[in-house]
Structure formats: structure tokens, C-alpha cells
């Protein structure tokens, strides 16, 4: 069994907010301190004069995930007042920061890392996951990923949704029925 002091200094994924769309500034500053972070990105068409340019932008503004030891992150955060912990709703006491399990974060990074144009990012309140069946995808860019099969408002077909509880959900593009394995 790991002592509480030792365990608290393990690297964990924190869900954080970088106010006023400063997630990329925070990411660069954290990289300079050798602290790993992840910002979900997507491509967007932007008008540049008479041309349309495809540009890589944050998929969800103000959201950044940081992998660090709590004390090291706290020291880095002291230099970045705009970087804030996301607190679990309904909890105001100390220690209610949202910490994402490593396996869940790896799955989320694998999905978002594809930067597929058909990924849809959703607020946790937009989908009720308990309704859907747990599934695994076989084939395509999301091979081996797990999530829940649900009906997403605004889409005709069912989608596989991968969630980080209380923070964000990402709905994958249409998945062919032969690519889906139902898990029990």
C-alpha cells in the first residue's frame, strides 16, 4: 500500500481552465517547465481576406488537461494566475479538483488526437451516458477505443461517445455497425 504522501506526488491528469482563451499560452508555458499538457484541437475554416484557410484551433476554448505532480503543478500555477482547477460541481471544499484517471485520459487523447472533422464535442449535460450500451470500436482511426453508444441530439444516427466525467464528452463520427462490439 502506498503512503498518502507518496501517492499525492504521483503524476495525475488535472482538468483545468485557462481563462480568456489562454489555453495555448498555458500549454507553451507548461512545456517550458517540462510539464505535459493536452488541449483538444480541431481544424476550422477561417476567412483570410478573400481566401479560406484551414487552421488548427482549440476544440473547446479555455480547457486544458495537465499531467503533473500536485506540488509541481501548484508551483507552476502560481506563475499563471489565469490557470484554474476545474472543481467538481456541488463540492466547494478543498480537494474537489477534477482528476482524470490515466486510462480514461489516454482514451480521450487517442480519440481527439485524430482531429477528425466529424468529432463533436459536447457538454456533460448534453448526453445521458447511462442510457447507452458500453461498446468497443474495431477498425478505422479509433480502433480499440471504448465508449457508450448513444443518440446525440441533432444527429440522425447513434454515435459512440467518450467522456471525461463532469468536464467534456466527444462524440465520434458515424461508426458502422460491423465495427461495434457490445461490452457487458
C-alpha atoms as a PDB file:
ATOM      1  CA  UNK A   1       0.000   0.000   0.000  1.00  0.00           C
ATOM      2  CA  UNK A   2       1.322   3.437  -0.935  1.00  0.00           C
ATOM      3  CA  UNK A   3       1.583   6.057   1.776  1.00  0.00           C
ATOM      4  CA  UNK A   4      -0.640   9.088   1.287  1.00  0.00           C
ATOM      5  CA  UNK A   5       2.382  11.433   0.927  1.00  0.00           C
ATOM      6  CA  UNK A   6       3.938   9.282  -1.799  1.00  0.00           C
ATOM      7  CA  UNK A   7       0.661   8.844  -3.666  1.00  0.00           C
ATOM      8  CA  UNK A   8      -0.082  12.571  -3.652  1.00  0.00           C
ATOM      9  CA  UNK A   9       3.183  13.157  -5.541  1.00  0.00           C
ATOM     10  CA  UNK A  10       2.384  10.778  -8.383  1.00  0.00           C
ATOM     11  CA  UNK A  11       1.698  12.407 -11.725  1.00  0.00           C
ATOM     12  CA  UNK A  12      -2.034  12.730 -12.326  1.00  0.00           C
ATOM     13  CA  UNK A  13      -4.150  14.358 -15.032  1.00  0.00           C
ATOM     14  CA  UNK A  14      -5.876  17.531 -13.835  1.00  0.00           C
ATOM     15  CA  UNK A  15      -8.755  19.070 -15.798  1.00  0.00           C
ATOM     16  CA  UNK A  16      -8.085  22.820 -15.809  1.00  0.00           C
ATOM     17  CA  UNK A  17      -9.434  26.056 -17.191  1.00  0.00           C
ATOM     18  CA  UNK A  18      -7.257  28.744 -18.793  1.00  0.00           C
ATOM     19  CA  UNK A  19      -9.422  31.863 -18.670  1.00  0.00           C
ATOM     20  CA  UNK A  20      -9.943  34.221 -21.605  1.00  0.00           C
ATOM     21  CA  UNK A  21      -8.926  31.661 -24.240  1.00  0.00           C
ATOM     22  CA  UNK A  22      -5.336  31.418 -22.980  1.00  0.00           C
ATOM     23  CA  UNK A  23      -5.145  27.608 -23.197  1.00  0.00           C
ATOM     24  CA  UNK A  24      -2.375  27.680 -25.828  1.00  0.00           C
ATOM     25  CA  UNK A  25      -0.343  30.233 -23.837  1.00  0.00           C
ATOM     26  CA  UNK A  26      -0.681  28.000 -20.764  1.00  0.00           C
ATOM     27  CA  UNK A  27       0.345  24.955 -22.829  1.00  0.00           C
ATOM     28  CA  UNK A  28       3.522  26.711 -24.056  1.00  0.00           C
ATOM     29  CA  UNK A  29       4.420  27.891 -20.544  1.00  0.00           C
ATOM     30  CA  UNK A  30       3.858  24.420 -19.097  1.00  0.00           C
ATOM     31  CA  UNK A  31       6.006  22.872 -21.865  1.00  0.00           C
ATOM     32  CA  UNK A  32       8.786  25.341 -20.984  1.00  0.00           C
ATOM     33  CA  UNK A  33       8.609  23.960 -17.421  1.00  0.00           C
ATOM     34  CA  UNK A  34       8.703  20.365 -18.788  1.00  0.00           C
ATOM     35  CA  UNK A  35       5.109  19.717 -17.654  1.00  0.00           C
ATOM     36  CA  UNK A  36       2.980  17.676 -20.053  1.00  0.00           C
ATOM     37  CA  UNK A  37      -0.398  19.039 -21.094  1.00  0.00           C
ATOM     38  CA  UNK A  38      -3.108  18.346 -23.654  1.00  0.00           C
ATOM     39  CA  UNK A  39      -5.507  20.704 -25.411  1.00  0.00           C
ATOM     40  CA  UNK A  40      -8.132  19.043 -27.665  1.00  0.00           C
ATOM     41  CA  UNK A  41      -7.688  20.555 -31.138  1.00  0.00           C
ATOM     42  CA  UNK A  42      -9.719  20.627 -34.351  1.00  0.00           C
ATOM     43  CA  UNK A  43      -9.449  22.168 -37.797  1.00  0.00           C
ATOM     44  CA  UNK A  44     -11.558  25.209 -38.604  1.00  0.00           C
ATOM     45  CA  UNK A  45     -12.030  27.143 -41.841  1.00  0.00           C
ATOM     46  CA  UNK A  46     -11.237  30.827 -41.350  1.00  0.00           C
ATOM     47  CA  UNK A  47     -11.618  33.718 -43.755  1.00  0.00           C
ATOM     48  CA  UNK A  48      -8.298  35.488 -44.554  1.00  0.00           C
ATOM     49  CA  UNK A  49      -9.158  38.312 -46.921  1.00  0.00           C
ATOM     50  CA  UNK A  50     -10.626  36.599 -49.970  1.00  0.00           C
ATOM     51  CA  UNK A  51      -9.241  33.145 -49.092  1.00  0.00           C
ATOM     52  CA  UNK A  52     -10.500  30.476 -46.730  1.00  0.00           C
ATOM     53  CA  UNK A  53      -7.717  28.922 -44.662  1.00  0.00           C
ATOM     54  CA  UNK A  54      -7.891  25.671 -42.677  1.00  0.00           C
ATOM     55  CA  UNK A  55      -6.404  26.380 -39.238  1.00  0.00           C
ATOM     56  CA  UNK A  56      -5.790  24.180 -36.184  1.00  0.00           C
ATOM     57  CA  UNK A  57      -7.587  25.689 -33.160  1.00  0.00           C
ATOM     58  CA  UNK A  58      -8.621  24.525 -29.671  1.00  0.00           C
ATOM     59  CA  UNK A  59     -11.807  22.457 -29.911  1.00  0.00           C
ATOM     60  CA  UNK A  60     -13.038  23.718 -26.532  1.00  0.00           C
ATOM     61  CA  UNK A  61     -11.816  27.109 -25.503  1.00  0.00           C
ATOM     62  CA  UNK A  62     -10.356  27.512 -22.005  1.00  0.00           C
ATOM     63  CA  UNK A  63      -9.949  23.738 -21.454  1.00  0.00           C
ATOM     64  CA  UNK A  64      -6.534  22.180 -20.818  1.00  0.00           C
ATOM     65  CA  UNK A  65      -5.513  18.891 -19.205  1.00  0.00           C
ATOM     66  CA  UNK A  66      -2.255  18.851 -17.249  1.00  0.00           C
ATOM     67  CA  UNK A  67      -0.187  15.806 -16.223  1.00  0.00           C
ATOM     68  CA  UNK A  68       1.918  16.668 -13.186  1.00  0.00           C
ATOM     69  CA  UNK A  69       2.614  16.049  -9.521  1.00  0.00           C
ATOM     70  CA  UNK A  70       0.232  18.214  -7.445  1.00  0.00           C
ATOM     71  CA  UNK A  71       3.018  20.220  -5.757  1.00  0.00           C
ATOM     72  CA  UNK A  72       4.829  20.857  -9.052  1.00  0.00           C
ATOM     73  CA  UNK A  73       1.616  21.999 -10.738  1.00  0.00           C
ATOM     74  CA  UNK A  74       0.804  24.271  -7.790  1.00  0.00           C
ATOM     75  CA  UNK A  75       4.242  25.931  -8.137  1.00  0.00           C
ATOM     76  CA  UNK A  76       3.742  26.399 -11.903  1.00  0.00           C
ATOM     77  CA  UNK A  77       0.194  27.660 -11.362  1.00  0.00           C
ATOM     78  CA  UNK A  78       1.498  30.402  -9.043  1.00  0.00           C
ATOM     79  CA  UNK A  79       3.160  31.959 -12.126  1.00  0.00           C
ATOM     80  CA  UNK A  80      -0.024  31.642 -14.214  1.00  0.00           C
ATOM     81  CA  UNK A  81      -2.983  33.191 -12.339  1.00  0.00           C
ATOM     82  CA  UNK A  82      -5.296  32.555 -15.306  1.00  0.00           C
ATOM     83  CA  UNK A  83      -4.815  28.769 -14.974  1.00  0.00           C
ATOM     84  CA  UNK A  84      -7.505  27.372 -12.658  1.00  0.00           C
ATOM     85  CA  UNK A  85      -8.522  23.935 -11.453  1.00  0.00           C
ATOM     86  CA  UNK A  86     -11.940  22.730 -12.560  1.00  0.00           C
ATOM     87  CA  UNK A  87     -13.883  21.937  -9.408  1.00  0.00           C
ATOM     88  CA  UNK A  88     -16.494  19.175  -9.269  1.00  0.00           C
ATOM     89  CA  UNK A  89     -19.978  20.724  -9.158  1.00  0.00           C
ATOM     90  CA  UNK A  90     -21.559  20.690  -5.732  1.00  0.00           C
ATOM     91  CA  UNK A  91     -18.189  20.462  -3.954  1.00  0.00           C
ATOM     92  CA  UNK A  92     -16.602  23.609  -2.561  1.00  0.00           C
ATOM     93  CA  UNK A  93     -14.287  22.036  -0.001  1.00  0.00           C
ATOM     94  CA  UNK A  94     -10.594  21.607  -0.680  1.00  0.00           C
ATOM     95  CA  UNK A  95      -9.576  18.541  -2.668  1.00  0.00           C
ATOM     96  CA  UNK A  96     -12.553  18.508  -5.032  1.00  0.00           C
ATOM     97  CA  UNK A  97     -10.452  19.196  -8.136  1.00  0.00           C
ATOM     98  CA  UNK A  98     -11.315  17.018 -11.114  1.00  0.00           C
ATOM     99  CA  UNK A  99      -8.599  14.412 -11.610  1.00  0.00           C
ATOM    100  CA  UNK A 100      -8.967  12.265 -14.718  1.00  0.00           C
ATOM    101  CA  UNK A 101      -7.918   8.586 -14.487  1.00  0.00           C
ATOM    102  CA  UNK A 102      -4.908   7.841 -16.749  1.00  0.00           C
ATOM    103  CA  UNK A 103      -6.729   5.160 -18.774  1.00  0.00           C
ATOM    104  CA  UNK A 104      -9.659   7.487 -19.447  1.00  0.00           C
ATOM    105  CA  UNK A 105      -7.300  10.322 -20.441  1.00  0.00           C
ATOM    106  CA  UNK A 106      -5.318   8.045 -22.779  1.00  0.00           C
ATOM    107  CA  UNK A 107      -8.564   7.027 -24.490  1.00  0.00           C
ATOM    108  CA  UNK A 108      -9.638  10.684 -24.783  1.00  0.00           C
ATOM    109  CA  UNK A 109      -6.248  11.733 -26.234  1.00  0.00           C
ATOM    110  CA  UNK A 110      -6.355   8.857 -28.724  1.00  0.00           C
ATOM    111  CA  UNK A 111      -9.787   9.951 -29.958  1.00  0.00           C
ATOM    112  CA  UNK A 112      -9.104  13.705 -30.017  1.00  0.00           C
ATOM    113  CA  UNK A 113      -5.627  13.190 -31.460  1.00  0.00           C
ATOM    114  CA  UNK A 114      -7.171  12.022 -34.740  1.00  0.00           C
ATOM    115  CA  UNK A 115      -8.536  15.584 -35.209  1.00  0.00           C
ATOM    116  CA  UNK A 116     -11.288  14.061 -37.320  1.00  0.00           C
ATOM    117  CA  UNK A 117     -13.562  16.723 -38.801  1.00  0.00           C
ATOM    118  CA  UNK A 118     -16.609  14.755 -37.685  1.00  0.00           C
ATOM    119  CA  UNK A 119     -15.752  14.673 -33.967  1.00  0.00           C
ATOM    120  CA  UNK A 120     -18.369  16.549 -31.967  1.00  0.00           C
ATOM    121  CA  UNK A 121     -17.558  17.979 -28.538  1.00  0.00           C
ATOM    122  CA  UNK A 122     -20.420  18.059 -26.050  1.00  0.00           C
ATOM    123  CA  UNK A 123     -21.040  19.439 -22.579  1.00  0.00           C
ATOM    124  CA  UNK A 124     -21.675  16.726 -19.963  1.00  0.00           C
ATOM    125  CA  UNK A 125     -25.298  17.869 -19.674  1.00  0.00           C
ATOM    126  CA  UNK A 126     -25.999  17.252 -23.380  1.00  0.00           C
ATOM    127  CA  UNK A 127     -25.862  13.423 -23.232  1.00  0.00           C
ATOM    128  CA  UNK A 128     -27.021  10.938 -20.606  1.00  0.00           C
ATOM    129  CA  UNK A 129     -24.494   8.107 -20.785  1.00  0.00           C
ATOM    130  CA  UNK A 130     -26.343   5.661 -18.552  1.00  0.00           C
ATOM    131  CA  UNK A 131     -28.851   5.195 -21.380  1.00  0.00           C
ATOM    132  CA  UNK A 132     -26.250   3.791 -23.801  1.00  0.00           C
ATOM    133  CA  UNK A 133     -24.528   0.448 -24.048  1.00  0.00           C
ATOM    134  CA  UNK A 134     -20.779   0.225 -23.469  1.00  0.00           C
ATOM    135  CA  UNK A 135     -19.054  -0.619 -26.779  1.00  0.00           C
ATOM    136  CA  UNK A 136     -15.602  -1.107 -28.318  1.00  0.00           C
ATOM    137  CA  UNK A 137     -14.747   0.012 -31.852  1.00  0.00           C
ATOM    138  CA  UNK A 138     -12.875  -2.281 -34.254  1.00  0.00           C
ATOM    139  CA  UNK A 139     -11.230  -0.707 -37.302  1.00  0.00           C
ATOM    140  CA  UNK A 140     -10.698   2.829 -38.516  1.00  0.00           C
ATOM    141  CA  UNK A 141      -8.791   5.595 -36.770  1.00  0.00           C
ATOM    142  CA  UNK A 142     -10.491   4.800 -33.436  1.00  0.00           C
ATOM    143  CA  UNK A 143      -9.645   1.081 -33.404  1.00  0.00           C
ATOM    144  CA  UNK A 144      -9.753  -0.387 -29.899  1.00  0.00           C
ATOM    145  CA  UNK A 145     -11.393   2.649 -28.280  1.00  0.00           C
ATOM    146  CA  UNK A 146     -14.270   2.180 -25.846  1.00  0.00           C
ATOM    147  CA  UNK A 147     -17.249   4.387 -25.115  1.00  0.00           C
ATOM    148  CA  UNK A 148     -21.037   4.408 -24.913  1.00  0.00           C
ATOM    149  CA  UNK A 149     -23.408   4.131 -27.858  1.00  0.00           C
ATOM    150  CA  UNK A 150     -25.978   6.919 -27.536  1.00  0.00           C
ATOM    151  CA  UNK A 151     -28.322   9.122 -29.529  1.00  0.00           C
ATOM    152  CA  UNK A 152     -26.777  12.593 -29.664  1.00  0.00           C
ATOM    153  CA  UNK A 153     -29.247  15.472 -30.080  1.00  0.00           C
ATOM    154  CA  UNK A 154     -29.015  16.980 -33.568  1.00  0.00           C
ATOM    155  CA  UNK A 155     -27.754  13.810 -35.276  1.00  0.00           C
ATOM    156  CA  UNK A 156     -29.850  11.161 -37.002  1.00  0.00           C
ATOM    157  CA  UNK A 157     -27.598   8.193 -36.283  1.00  0.00           C
ATOM    158  CA  UNK A 158     -26.307   6.885 -32.985  1.00  0.00           C
ATOM    159  CA  UNK A 159     -22.748   7.856 -32.077  1.00  0.00           C
ATOM    160  CA  UNK A 160     -20.086   6.457 -29.788  1.00  0.00           C
ATOM    161  CA  UNK A 161     -19.342   8.927 -27.006  1.00  0.00           C
ATOM    162  CA  UNK A 162     -16.134   9.017 -24.959  1.00  0.00           C
ATOM    163  CA  UNK A 163     -16.475  11.065 -21.773  1.00  0.00           C
ATOM    164  CA  UNK A 164     -14.353  12.677 -19.119  1.00  0.00           C
ATOM    165  CA  UNK A 165     -16.872  12.812 -16.315  1.00  0.00           C
ATOM    166  CA  UNK A 166     -18.005  16.299 -15.412  1.00  0.00           C
ATOM    167  CA  UNK A 167     -15.749  18.007 -17.976  1.00  0.00           C
ATOM    168  CA  UNK A 168     -16.335  17.117 -21.626  1.00  0.00           C
ATOM    169  CA  UNK A 169     -17.600  14.432 -23.979  1.00  0.00           C
ATOM    170  CA  UNK A 170     -16.573  13.767 -27.538  1.00  0.00           C
ATOM    171  CA  UNK A 171     -18.930  12.059 -29.978  1.00  0.00           C
ATOM    172  CA  UNK A 172     -17.205  10.126 -32.739  1.00  0.00           C
ATOM    173  CA  UNK A 173     -18.210  10.269 -36.358  1.00  0.00           C
ATOM    174  CA  UNK A 174     -20.648   7.635 -37.556  1.00  0.00           C
ATOM    175  CA  UNK A 175     -19.403   4.168 -36.771  1.00  0.00           C
ATOM    176  CA  UNK A 176     -20.504   1.277 -38.979  1.00  0.00           C
ATOM    177  CA  UNK A 177     -22.456  -1.435 -37.114  1.00  0.00           C
ATOM    178  CA  UNK A 178     -19.873  -4.090 -38.069  1.00  0.00           C
ATOM    179  CA  UNK A 179     -17.187  -2.039 -36.268  1.00  0.00           C
ATOM    180  CA  UNK A 180     -19.021  -2.124 -32.931  1.00  0.00           C
ATOM    181  CA  UNK A 181     -18.586  -4.801 -30.256  1.00  0.00           C
ATOM    182  CA  UNK A 182     -21.029  -4.586 -27.341  1.00  0.00           C
ATOM    183  CA  UNK A 183     -19.286  -4.969 -23.955  1.00  0.00           C
ATOM    184  CA  UNK A 184     -21.004  -6.336 -20.851  1.00  0.00           C
END
